[in-house]
Structures are given as C-alpha cells and as structure tokens.
C-alpha cells in the first residue's frame, strides 16, 4: 500500500472516494482511531491506499498512517481503521491527505 502512494502528486486520484468517521476511545482500546470509509466510485474493481495524518490543535501533522483496501468492487465499500498511537490526552484530528487507486 505504501508503494502505491510513492510518487503520487497532490492528493491522489481517489480523494473524493474517502471519508473519515471517528471512533470513541471506549471502543478503540483507548487509542485515537478513525474508520476510513472507502467507496469505489468507478465502474471497475480497484484497490486503494490512503494516507491519514493526525494533526494537533495547531494543524501540524504529528503522526501519519497508511491504510488500504484491496479488490473493492465497483460501487462497493471498505472500512479499514487508522490508529494514532499518541496519548489520548493529545487532541488530534485525522485528515485524509492522499488517496490513490491502484
């Protein structure tokens, strides 16, 4: 998945196919987490690589993860989870910065 993001210019060709949903700390084992909702808007099966940056209150990226989904059918969805391993006391916001089909 990480290799699929190398050389991607800008935010990638699948950024509009991805949204984030927060996960309560009580259900994520005390880790800050976000469900990465991927919907394949194309007419063909595709795999996805998504980079999620975790930003502090100043807007600075303090952590970054890459998640993905393979062989998502046309019109189908996948929901991998991105975790920040920073302390829960750090107020972080997840942001999709790149999303690429491959």
PDB file of N, CA and C in Angstrom:
ATOM      1  N   UNK A   1       0.803  -1.190   0.000  1.00  0.00           N
ATOM      2  CA  UNK A   1       0.000   0.000   0.000  1.00  0.00           C
ATOM      3  C   UNK A   1       0.852   1.261   0.000  1.00  0.00           C
ATOM      4  N   UNK A   2       1.887   1.274   0.823  1.00  0.00           N
ATOM      5  CA  UNK A   2       2.740   2.455   0.890  1.00  0.00           C
ATOM      6  C   UNK A   2       3.348   2.732  -0.477  1.00  0.00           C
ATOM      7  N   UNK A   3       3.748   1.673  -1.179  1.00  0.00           N
ATOM      8  CA  UNK A   3       4.344   1.840  -2.501  1.00  0.00           C
ATOM      9  C   UNK A   3       3.379   2.511  -3.469  1.00  0.00           C
ATOM     10  N   UNK A   4       2.081   2.265  -3.308  1.00  0.00           N
ATOM     11  CA  UNK A   4       1.083   2.859  -4.196  1.00  0.00           C
ATOM     12  C   UNK A   4       1.018   4.375  -4.031  1.00  0.00           C
ATOM     13  N   UNK A   5       1.475   4.897  -2.908  1.00  0.00           N
ATOM     14  CA  UNK A   5       1.435   6.343  -2.671  1.00  0.00           C
ATOM     15  C   UNK A   5       2.722   7.050  -3.080  1.00  0.00           C
ATOM     16  N   UNK A   6       3.786   6.279  -3.314  1.00  0.00           N
ATOM     17  CA  UNK A   6       5.046   6.904  -3.717  1.00  0.00           C
ATOM     18  C   UNK A   6       4.870   7.545  -5.088  1.00  0.00           C
ATOM     19  N   UNK A   7       5.315   8.753  -5.210  1.00  0.00           N
ATOM     20  CA  UNK A   7       5.235   9.454  -6.481  1.00  0.00           C
ATOM     21  C   UNK A   7       3.877  10.056  -6.790  1.00  0.00           C
ATOM     22  N   UNK A   8       2.915   9.901  -5.895  1.00  0.00           N
ATOM     23  CA  UNK A   8       1.592  10.486  -6.127  1.00  0.00           C
ATOM     24  C   UNK A   8       1.697  11.999  -5.992  1.00  0.00           C
ATOM     25  N   UNK A   9       1.235  12.694  -7.006  1.00  0.00           N
ATOM     26  CA  UNK A   9       1.225  14.149  -6.973  1.00  0.00           C
ATOM     27  C   UNK A   9      -0.060  14.632  -6.314  1.00  0.00           C
ATOM     28  N   UNK A  10       0.041  15.630  -5.477  1.00  0.00           N
ATOM     29  CA  UNK A  10      -1.147  16.184  -4.833  1.00  0.00           C
ATOM     30  C   UNK A  10      -1.797  15.170  -3.916  1.00  0.00           C
ATOM     31  N   UNK A  11      -3.126  15.165  -3.928  1.00  0.00           N
ATOM     32  CA  UNK A  11      -3.868  14.303  -3.003  1.00  0.00           C
ATOM     33  C   UNK A  11      -4.255  12.954  -3.600  1.00  0.00           C
ATOM     34  N   UNK A  12      -3.889  12.691  -4.850  1.00  0.00           N
ATOM     35  CA  UNK A  12      -4.184  11.398  -5.459  1.00  0.00           C
ATOM     36  C   UNK A  12      -5.503  11.388  -6.208  1.00  0.00           C
ATOM     37  N   UNK A  13      -5.761  10.279  -6.900  1.00  0.00           N
ATOM     38  CA  UNK A  13      -6.938  10.203  -7.769  1.00  0.00           C
ATOM     39  C   UNK A  13      -8.191   9.675  -7.079  1.00  0.00           C
ATOM     40  N   UNK A  14      -8.109   9.350  -5.785  1.00  0.00           N
ATOM     41  CA  UNK A  14      -9.267   8.754  -5.109  1.00  0.00           C
ATOM     42  C   UNK A  14      -9.698   9.529  -3.867  1.00  0.00           C
ATOM     43  N   UNK A  15      -9.210  10.746  -3.718  1.00  0.00           N
ATOM     44  CA  UNK A  15      -9.503  11.512  -2.506  1.00  0.00           C
ATOM     45  C   UNK A  15     -11.010  11.698  -2.313  1.00  0.00           C
ATOM     46  N   UNK A  16     -11.762  11.823  -3.390  1.00  0.00           N
ATOM     47  CA  UNK A  16     -13.211  12.035  -3.263  1.00  0.00           C
ATOM     48  C   UNK A  16     -13.954  10.756  -2.890  1.00  0.00           C
ATOM     49  N   UNK A  17     -13.280   9.620  -2.923  1.00  0.00           N
ATOM     50  CA  UNK A  17     -13.897   8.340  -2.552  1.00  0.00           C
ATOM     51  C   UNK A  17     -13.733   8.015  -1.069  1.00  0.00           C
ATOM     52  N   UNK A  18     -13.087   8.905  -0.309  1.00  0.00           N
ATOM     53  CA  UNK A  18     -12.714   8.585   1.073  1.00  0.00           C
ATOM     54  C   UNK A  18     -13.263   9.622   2.056  1.00  0.00           C
ATOM     55  N   UNK A  19     -13.849   9.130   3.150  1.00  0.00           N
ATOM     56  CA  UNK A  19     -14.265   9.972   4.275  1.00  0.00           C
ATOM     57  C   UNK A  19     -13.808   9.304   5.568  1.00  0.00           C
ATOM     58  N   UNK A  20     -13.825  10.063   6.648  1.00  0.00           N
ATOM     59  CA  UNK A  20     -13.421   9.545   7.955  1.00  0.00           C
ATOM     60  C   UNK A  20     -14.572   9.632   8.947  1.00  0.00           C
ATOM     61  N   UNK A  21     -14.634   8.644   9.841  1.00  0.00           N
ATOM     62  CA  UNK A  21     -15.587   8.641  10.944  1.00  0.00           C
ATOM     63  C   UNK A  21     -14.812   8.338  12.218  1.00  0.00           C
ATOM     64  N   UNK A  22     -14.948   9.193  13.217  1.00  0.00           N
ATOM     65  CA  UNK A  22     -14.248   8.992  14.480  1.00  0.00           C
ATOM     66  C   UNK A  22     -14.745   7.765  15.223  1.00  0.00           C
ATOM     67  N   UNK A  23     -13.864   7.173  16.014  1.00  0.00           N
ATOM     68  CA  UNK A  23     -14.185   6.005  16.838  1.00  0.00           C
ATOM     69  C   UNK A  23     -14.028   6.416  18.305  1.00  0.00           C
ATOM     70  N   UNK A  24     -15.036   6.188  19.148  1.00  0.00           N
ATOM     71  CA  UNK A  24     -14.914   6.540  20.568  1.00  0.00           C
ATOM     72  C   UNK A  24     -13.752   5.799  21.235  1.00  0.00           C
ATOM     73  N   UNK A  25     -13.055   6.485  22.136  1.00  0.00           N
ATOM     74  CA  UNK A  25     -11.938   5.865  22.863  1.00  0.00           C
ATOM     75  C   UNK A  25     -12.368   4.603  23.590  1.00  0.00           C
ATOM     76  N   UNK A  26     -13.608   4.579  24.075  1.00  0.00           N
ATOM     77  CA  UNK A  26     -14.104   3.421  24.827  1.00  0.00           C
ATOM     78  C   UNK A  26     -14.183   2.163  23.970  1.00  0.00           C
ATOM     79  N   UNK A  27     -14.299   2.317  22.653  1.00  0.00           N
ATOM     80  CA  UNK A  27     -14.398   1.141  21.784  1.00  0.00           C
ATOM     81  C   UNK A  27     -13.123   0.875  20.991  1.00  0.00           C
ATOM     82  N   UNK A  28     -12.123   1.748  21.150  1.00  0.00           N
ATOM     83  CA  UNK A  28     -10.880   1.579  20.387  1.00  0.00           C
ATOM     84  C   UNK A  28      -9.702   1.175  21.263  1.00  0.00           C
ATOM     85  N   UNK A  29      -9.987   0.695  22.453  1.00  0.00           N
ATOM     86  CA  UNK A  29      -8.910   0.288  23.345  1.00  0.00           C
ATOM     87  C   UNK A  29      -8.116   1.461  23.889  1.00  0.00           C
ATOM     88  N   UNK A  30      -8.739   2.634  23.935  1.00  0.00           N
ATOM     89  CA  UNK A  30      -8.061   3.813  24.460  1.00  0.00           C
ATOM     90  C   UNK A  30      -7.177   4.528  23.463  1.00  0.00           C
ATOM     91  N   UNK A  31      -7.186   4.077  22.218  1.00  0.00           N
ATOM     92  CA  UNK A  31      -6.397   4.725  21.172  1.00  0.00           C
ATOM     93  C   UNK A  31      -7.290   5.645  20.344  1.00  0.00           C
ATOM     94  N   UNK A  32      -6.719   6.743  19.881  1.00  0.00           N
ATOM     95  CA  UNK A  32      -7.455   7.590  18.953  1.00  0.00           C
ATOM     96  C   UNK A  32      -7.524   6.846  17.621  1.00  0.00           C
ATOM     97  N   UNK A  33      -8.727   6.755  17.075  1.00  0.00           N
ATOM     98  CA  UNK A  33      -8.920   5.963  15.863  1.00  0.00           C
ATOM     99  C   UNK A  33      -9.975   6.605  14.974  1.00  0.00           C
ATOM    100  N   UNK A  34      -9.888   6.297  13.694  1.00  0.00           N
ATOM    101  CA  UNK A  34     -10.880   6.758  12.727  1.00  0.00           C
ATOM    102  C   UNK A  34     -11.124   5.651  11.712  1.00  0.00           C
ATOM    103  N   UNK A  35     -12.394   5.407  11.406  1.00  0.00           N
ATOM    104  CA  UNK A  35     -12.743   4.489  10.330  1.00  0.00           C
ATOM    105  C   UNK A  35     -12.535   5.237   9.018  1.00  0.00           C
ATOM    106  N   UNK A  36     -11.817   4.621   8.101  1.00  0.00           N
ATOM    107  CA  UNK A  36     -11.560   5.195   6.789  1.00  0.00           C
ATOM    108  C   UNK A  36     -12.584   4.573   5.840  1.00  0.00           C
ATOM    109  N   UNK A  37     -13.603   5.350   5.510  1.00  0.00           N
ATOM    110  CA  UNK A  37     -14.689   4.870   4.654  1.00  0.00           C
ATOM    111  C   UNK A  37     -14.300   5.067   3.195  1.00  0.00           C
ATOM    112  N   UNK A  38     -14.138   3.961   2.483  1.00  0.00           N
ATOM    113  CA  UNK A  38     -13.747   3.995   1.075  1.00  0.00           C
ATOM    114  C   UNK A  38     -14.918   3.475   0.255  1.00  0.00           C
ATOM    115  N   UNK A  39     -15.365   4.253  -0.727  1.00  0.00           N
ATOM    116  CA  UNK A  39     -16.418   3.816  -1.638  1.00  0.00           C
ATOM    117  C   UNK A  39     -15.845   3.872  -3.051  1.00  0.00           C
ATOM    118  N   UNK A  40     -15.826   2.743  -3.731  1.00  0.00           N
ATOM    119  CA  UNK A  40     -15.298   2.688  -5.090  1.00  0.00           C
ATOM    120  C   UNK A  40     -16.318   3.302  -6.041  1.00  0.00           C
ATOM    121  N   UNK A  41     -16.039   4.511  -6.512  1.00  0.00           N
ATOM    122  CA  UNK A  41     -16.957   5.227  -7.401  1.00  0.00           C
ATOM    123  C   UNK A  41     -16.734   4.903  -8.875  1.00  0.00           C
ATOM    124  N   UNK A  42     -15.799   3.998  -9.155  1.00  0.00           N
ATOM    125  CA  UNK A  42     -15.522   3.654 -10.547  1.00  0.00           C
ATOM    126  C   UNK A  42     -16.383   2.471 -10.989  1.00  0.00           C
ATOM    127  N   UNK A  43     -16.272   2.130 -12.248  1.00  0.00           N
ATOM    128  CA  UNK A  43     -17.039   1.008 -12.792  1.00  0.00           C
ATOM    129  C   UNK A  43     -16.234  -0.286 -12.812  1.00  0.00           C
ATOM    130  N   UNK A  44     -15.046  -0.270 -12.197  1.00  0.00           N
ATOM    131  CA  UNK A  44     -14.188  -1.451 -12.158  1.00  0.00           C
ATOM    132  C   UNK A  44     -13.682  -1.703 -10.740  1.00  0.00           C
ATOM    133  N   UNK A  45     -13.309  -2.936 -10.461  1.00  0.00           N
ATOM    134  CA  UNK A  45     -12.705  -3.277  -9.177  1.00  0.00           C
ATOM    135  C   UNK A  45     -11.387  -2.516  -9.033  1.00  0.00           C
ATOM    136  N   UNK A  46     -11.133  -1.997  -7.840  1.00  0.00           N
ATOM    137  CA  UNK A  46      -9.906  -1.232  -7.600  1.00  0.00           C
ATOM    138  C   UNK A  46      -9.409  -1.480  -6.181  1.00  0.00           C
ATOM    139  N   UNK A  47      -8.110  -1.292  -6.002  1.00  0.00           N
ATOM    140  CA  UNK A  47      -7.510  -1.313  -4.671  1.00  0.00           C
ATOM    141  C   UNK A  47      -7.162   0.124  -4.302  1.00  0.00           C
ATOM    142  N   UNK A  48      -7.089   0.385  -3.004  1.00  0.00           N
ATOM    143  CA  UNK A  48      -6.895   1.747  -2.518  1.00  0.00           C
ATOM    144  C   UNK A  48      -5.793   1.802  -1.473  1.00  0.00           C
ATOM    145  N   UNK A  49      -5.025   2.877  -1.515  1.00  0.00           N
ATOM    146  CA  UNK A  49      -4.073   3.219  -0.458  1.00  0.00           C
ATOM    147  C   UNK A  49      -4.430   4.620   0.014  1.00  0.00           C
ATOM    148  N   UNK A  50      -4.522   4.791   1.338  1.00  0.00           N
ATOM    149  CA  UNK A  50      -4.959   6.064   1.910  1.00  0.00           C
ATOM    150  C   UNK A  50      -3.991   6.483   3.013  1.00  0.00           C
ATOM    151  N   UNK A  51      -3.476   7.704   2.920  1.00  0.00           N
ATOM    152  CA  UNK A  51      -2.630   8.263   3.976  1.00  0.00           C
ATOM    153  C   UNK A  51      -3.478   9.163   4.857  1.00  0.00           C
ATOM    154  N   UNK A  52      -3.469   8.870   6.155  1.00  0.00           N
ATOM    155  CA  UNK A  52      -4.178   9.680   7.146  1.00  0.00           C
ATOM    156  C   UNK A  52      -3.134  10.334   8.045  1.00  0.00           C
ATOM    157  N   UNK A  53      -3.149  11.660   8.077  1.00  0.00           N
ATOM    158  CA  UNK A  53      -2.288  12.387   9.006  1.00  0.00           C
ATOM    159  C   UNK A  53      -3.104  12.742  10.238  1.00  0.00           C
ATOM    160  N   UNK A  54      -2.480  12.613  11.391  1.00  0.00           N
ATOM    161  CA  UNK A  54      -3.096  13.009  12.662  1.00  0.00           C
ATOM    162  C   UNK A  54      -2.487  14.344  13.042  1.00  0.00           C
ATOM    163  N   UNK A  55      -3.338  15.387  13.120  1.00  0.00           N
ATOM    164  CA  UNK A  55      -2.859  16.751  13.342  1.00  0.00           C
ATOM    165  C   UNK A  55      -3.222  17.252  14.737  1.00  0.00           C
ATOM    166  N   UNK A  56      -2.297  18.032  15.289  1.00  0.00           N
ATOM    167  CA  UNK A  56      -2.541  18.616  16.608  1.00  0.00           C
ATOM    168  C   UNK A  56      -3.393  19.877  16.468  1.00  0.00           C
ATOM    169  N   UNK A  57      -3.637  20.551  17.580  1.00  0.00           N
ATOM    170  CA  UNK A  57      -4.518  21.722  17.558  1.00  0.00           C
ATOM    171  C   UNK A  57      -3.940  22.883  16.756  1.00  0.00           C
ATOM    172  N   UNK A  58      -2.634  22.868  16.494  1.00  0.00           N
ATOM    173  CA  UNK A  58      -2.005  23.892  15.660  1.00  0.00           C
ATOM    174  C   UNK A  58      -2.046  23.522  14.180  1.00  0.00           C
ATOM    175  N   UNK A  59      -2.600  22.348  13.866  1.00  0.00           N
ATOM    176  CA  UNK A  59      -2.685  21.908  12.479  1.00  0.00           C
ATOM    177  C   UNK A  59      -1.455  21.190  11.969  1.00  0.00           C
ATOM    178  N   UNK A  60      -0.517  20.897  12.857  1.00  0.00           N
ATOM    179  CA  UNK A  60       0.713  20.211  12.468  1.00  0.00           C
ATOM    180  C   UNK A  60       0.526  18.696  12.511  1.00  0.00           C
ATOM    181  N   UNK A  61       1.004  18.013  11.484  1.00  0.00           N
ATOM    182  CA  UNK A  61       0.941  16.548  11.469  1.00  0.00           C
ATOM    183  C   UNK A  61       1.937  16.007  12.488  1.00  0.00           C
ATOM    184  N   UNK A  62       1.444  15.221  13.443  1.00  0.00           N
ATOM    185  CA  UNK A  62       2.308  14.641  14.474  1.00  0.00           C
ATOM    186  C   UNK A  62       2.397  13.125  14.343  1.00  0.00           C
ATOM    187  N   UNK A  63       1.553  12.561  13.501  1.00  0.00           N
ATOM    188  CA  UNK A  63       1.571  11.120  13.234  1.00  0.00           C
ATOM    189  C   UNK A  63       0.939  10.904  11.866  1.00  0.00           C
ATOM    190  N   UNK A  64       1.317   9.816  11.223  1.00  0.00           N
ATOM    191  CA  UNK A  64       0.775   9.509   9.906  1.00  0.00           C
ATOM    192  C   UNK A  64       0.650   7.996   9.767  1.00  0.00           C
ATOM    193  N   UNK A  65      -0.441   7.552   9.172  1.00  0.00           N
ATOM    194  CA  UNK A  65      -0.628   6.127   8.919  1.00  0.00           C
ATOM    195  C   UNK A  65      -1.065   5.931   7.474  1.00  0.00           C
ATOM    196  N   UNK A  66      -0.830   4.745   6.970  1.00  0.00           N
ATOM    197  CA  UNK A  66      -1.329   4.366   5.649  1.00  0.00           C
ATOM    198  C   UNK A  66      -2.175   3.118   5.832  1.00  0.00           C
ATOM    199  N   UNK A  67      -3.401   3.179   5.339  1.00  0.00           N
ATOM    200  CA  UNK A  67      -4.300   2.031   5.362  1.00  0.00           C
ATOM    201  C   UNK A  67      -4.764   1.789   3.939  1.00  0.00           C
ATOM    202  N   UNK A  68      -5.394   0.661   3.721  1.00  0.00           N
ATOM    203  CA  UNK A  68      -5.858   0.386   2.378  1.00  0.00           C
ATOM    204  C   UNK A  68      -6.895  -0.696   2.328  1.00  0.00           C
ATOM    205  N   UNK A  69      -7.335  -0.937   1.119  1.00  0.00           N
ATOM    206  CA  UNK A  69      -8.301  -1.994   0.854  1.00  0.00           C
ATOM    207  C   UNK A  69      -8.005  -2.533  -0.537  1.00  0.00           C
ATOM    208  N   UNK A  70      -8.024  -3.848  -0.660  1.00  0.00           N
ATOM    209  CA  UNK A  70      -7.731  -4.475  -1.945  1.00  0.00           C
ATOM    210  C   UNK A  70      -8.998  -5.016  -2.576  1.00  0.00           C
ATOM    211  N   UNK A  71      -9.043  -4.914  -3.884  1.00  0.00           N
ATOM    212  CA  UNK A  71     -10.103  -5.518  -4.691  1.00  0.00           C
ATOM    213  C   UNK A  71     -11.501  -5.099  -4.245  1.00  0.00           C
ATOM    214  N   UNK A  72     -11.713  -3.799  -4.133  1.00  0.00           N
ATOM    215  CA  UNK A  72     -13.030  -3.263  -3.795  1.00  0.00           C
ATOM    216  C   UNK A  72     -13.836  -3.199  -5.092  1.00  0.00           C
ATOM    217  N   UNK A  73     -14.947  -3.913  -5.131  1.00  0.00           N
ATOM    218  CA  UNK A  73     -15.769  -3.966  -6.334  1.00  0.00           C
ATOM    219  C   UNK A  73     -16.376  -2.618  -6.678  1.00  0.00           C
ATOM    220  N   UNK A  74     -16.743  -2.446  -7.935  1.00  0.00           N
ATOM    221  CA  UNK A  74     -17.387  -1.212  -8.381  1.00  0.00           C
ATOM    222  C   UNK A  74     -18.624  -0.942  -7.532  1.00  0.00           C
ATOM    223  N   UNK A  75     -18.711   0.261  -6.984  1.00  0.00           N
ATOM    224  CA  UNK A  75     -19.846   0.637  -6.155  1.00  0.00           C
ATOM    225  C   UNK A  75     -19.825   0.060  -4.751  1.00  0.00           C
ATOM    226  N   UNK A  76     -18.823  -0.731  -4.422  1.00  0.00           N
ATOM    227  CA  UNK A  76     -18.725  -1.359  -3.105  1.00  0.00           C
ATOM    228  C   UNK A  76     -17.886  -0.487  -2.169  1.00  0.00           C
ATOM    229  N   UNK A  77     -17.847  -0.885  -0.906  1.00  0.00           N
ATOM    230  CA  UNK A  77     -17.103  -0.094   0.068  1.00  0.00           C
ATOM    231  C   UNK A  77     -16.219  -0.970   0.943  1.00  0.00           C
ATOM    232  N   UNK A  78     -15.284  -0.320   1.599  1.00  0.00           N
ATOM    233  CA  UNK A  78     -14.400  -0.967   2.568  1.00  0.00           C
ATOM    234  C   UNK A  78     -14.183   0.024   3.705  1.00  0.00           C
ATOM    235  N   UNK A  79     -13.852  -0.496   4.883  1.00  0.00           N
ATOM    236  CA  UNK A  79     -13.736   0.368   6.065  1.00  0.00           C
ATOM    237  C   UNK A  79     -12.548  -0.002   6.951  1.00  0.00           C
ATOM    238  N   UNK A  80     -11.319   0.190   6.472  1.00  0.00           N
ATOM    239  CA  UNK A  80     -10.173  -0.037   7.355  1.00  0.00           C
ATOM    240  C   UNK A  80     -10.138   1.037   8.445  1.00  0.00           C
ATOM    241  N   UNK A  81      -9.318   0.820   9.461  1.00  0.00           N
ATOM    242  CA  UNK A  81      -9.236   1.750  10.587  1.00  0.00           C
ATOM    243  C   UNK A  81      -7.811   2.291  10.709  1.00  0.00           C
ATOM    244  N   UNK A  82      -7.707   3.600  10.905  1.00  0.00           N
ATOM    245  CA  UNK A  82      -6.430   4.264  11.158  1.00  0.00           C
ATOM    246  C   UNK A  82      -6.337   4.560  12.650  1.00  0.00           C
ATOM    247  N   UNK A  83      -5.195   4.220  13.250  1.00  0.00           N
ATOM    248  CA  UNK A  83      -4.972   4.466  14.674  1.00  0.00           C
ATOM    249  C   UNK A  83      -3.817   5.436  14.863  1.00  0.00           C
ATOM    250  N   UNK A  84      -3.964   6.335  15.821  1.00  0.00           N
ATOM    251  CA  UNK A  84      -2.844   7.143  16.291  1.00  0.00           C
ATOM    252  C   UNK A  84      -2.353   6.496  17.573  1.00  0.00           C
ATOM    253  N   UNK A  85      -1.061   6.381  17.713  1.00  0.00           N
ATOM    254  CA  UNK A  85      -0.509   5.797  18.932  1.00  0.00           C
ATOM    255  C   UNK A  85      -0.007   6.877  19.892  1.00  0.00           C
ATOM    256  N   UNK A  86      -0.425   8.108  19.633  1.00  0.00           N
ATOM    257  CA  UNK A  86      -0.141   9.208  20.557  1.00  0.00           C
ATOM    258  C   UNK A  86      -1.073   9.086  21.757  1.00  0.00           C
ATOM    259  N   UNK A  87      -0.714   9.664  22.888  1.00  0.00           N
ATOM    260  CA  UNK A  87      -1.577   9.585  24.076  1.00  0.00           C
ATOM    261  C   UNK A  87      -2.963  10.178  23.801  1.00  0.00           C
ATOM    262  N   UNK A  88      -4.001   9.579  24.364  1.00  0.00           N
ATOM    263  CA  UNK A  88      -5.357  10.100  24.167  1.00  0.00           C
ATOM    264  C   UNK A  88      -5.520  11.546  24.638  1.00  0.00           C
ATOM    265  N   UNK A  89      -4.651  11.988  25.550  1.00  0.00           N
ATOM    266  CA  UNK A  89      -4.733  13.373  26.021  1.00  0.00           C
ATOM    267  C   UNK A  89      -4.330  14.374  24.936  1.00  0.00           C
ATOM    268  N   UNK A  90      -3.581  13.924  23.924  1.00  0.00           N
ATOM    269  CA  UNK A  90      -3.259  14.782  22.781  1.00  0.00           C
ATOM    270  C   UNK A  90      -4.529  14.943  21.960  1.00  0.00           C
ATOM    271  N   UNK A  91      -4.953  16.155  21.764  1.00  0.00           N
ATOM    272  CA  UNK A  91      -6.156  16.387  20.967  1.00  0.00           C
ATOM    273  C   UNK A  91      -5.763  16.396  19.497  1.00  0.00           C
ATOM    274  N   UNK A  92      -6.039  15.289  18.823  1.00  0.00           N
ATOM    275  CA  UNK A  92      -5.645  15.134  17.429  1.00  0.00           C
ATOM    276  C   UNK A  92      -6.867  15.026  16.529  1.00  0.00           C
ATOM    277  N   UNK A  93      -6.686  15.468  15.300  1.00  0.00           N
ATOM    278  CA  UNK A  93      -7.730  15.371  14.287  1.00  0.00           C
ATOM    279  C   UNK A  93      -7.170  14.591  13.105  1.00  0.00           C
ATOM    280  N   UNK A  94      -7.854  13.525  12.667  1.00  0.00           N
ATOM    281  CA  UNK A  94      -7.386  12.791  11.491  1.00  0.00           C
ATOM    282  C   UNK A  94      -7.808  13.511  10.208  1.00  0.00           C
ATOM    283  N   UNK A  95      -6.905  13.521   9.238  1.00  0.00           N
ATOM    284  CA  UNK A  95      -7.163  14.174   7.959  1.00  0.00           C
ATOM    285  C   UNK A  95      -6.647  13.270   6.843  1.00  0.00           C
ATOM    286  N   UNK A  96      -7.476  13.012   5.839  1.00  0.00           N
ATOM    287  CA  UNK A  96      -7.024  12.259   4.665  1.00  0.00           C
ATOM    288  C   UNK A  96      -6.196  13.210   3.809  1.00  0.00           C
ATOM    289  N   UNK A  97      -4.930  12.866   3.591  1.00  0.00           N
ATOM    290  CA  UNK A  97      -4.069  13.734   2.789  1.00  0.00           C
ATOM    291  C   UNK A  97      -3.769  13.163   1.406  1.00  0.00           C
ATOM    292  N   UNK A  98      -3.844  11.843   1.268  1.00  0.00           N
ATOM    293  CA  UNK A  98      -3.659  11.207  -0.038  1.00  0.00           C
ATOM    294  C   UNK A  98      -4.533   9.973  -0.113  1.00  0.00           C
ATOM    295  N   UNK A  99      -5.079   9.743  -1.290  1.00  0.00           N
ATOM    296  CA  UNK A  99      -5.831   8.514  -1.546  1.00  0.00           C
ATOM    297  C   UNK A  99      -5.637   8.167  -3.016  1.00  0.00           C
ATOM    298  N   UNK A 100      -5.184   6.950  -3.254  1.00  0.00           N
ATOM    299  CA  UNK A 100      -4.835   6.541  -4.613  1.00  0.00           C
ATOM    300  C   UNK A 100      -5.412   5.172  -4.926  1.00  0.00           C
ATOM    301  N   UNK A 101      -5.996   5.042  -6.124  1.00  0.00           N
ATOM    302  CA  UNK A 101      -6.407   3.728  -6.626  1.00  0.00           C
ATOM    303  C   UNK A 101      -5.196   3.081  -7.289  1.00  0.00           C
ATOM    304  N   UNK A 102      -5.130   1.756  -7.186  1.00  0.00           N
ATOM    305  CA  UNK A 102      -4.060   1.032  -7.897  1.00  0.00           C
ATOM    306  C   UNK A 102      -4.544  -0.330  -8.290  1.00  0.00           C
TER     307      UNK A 102
END
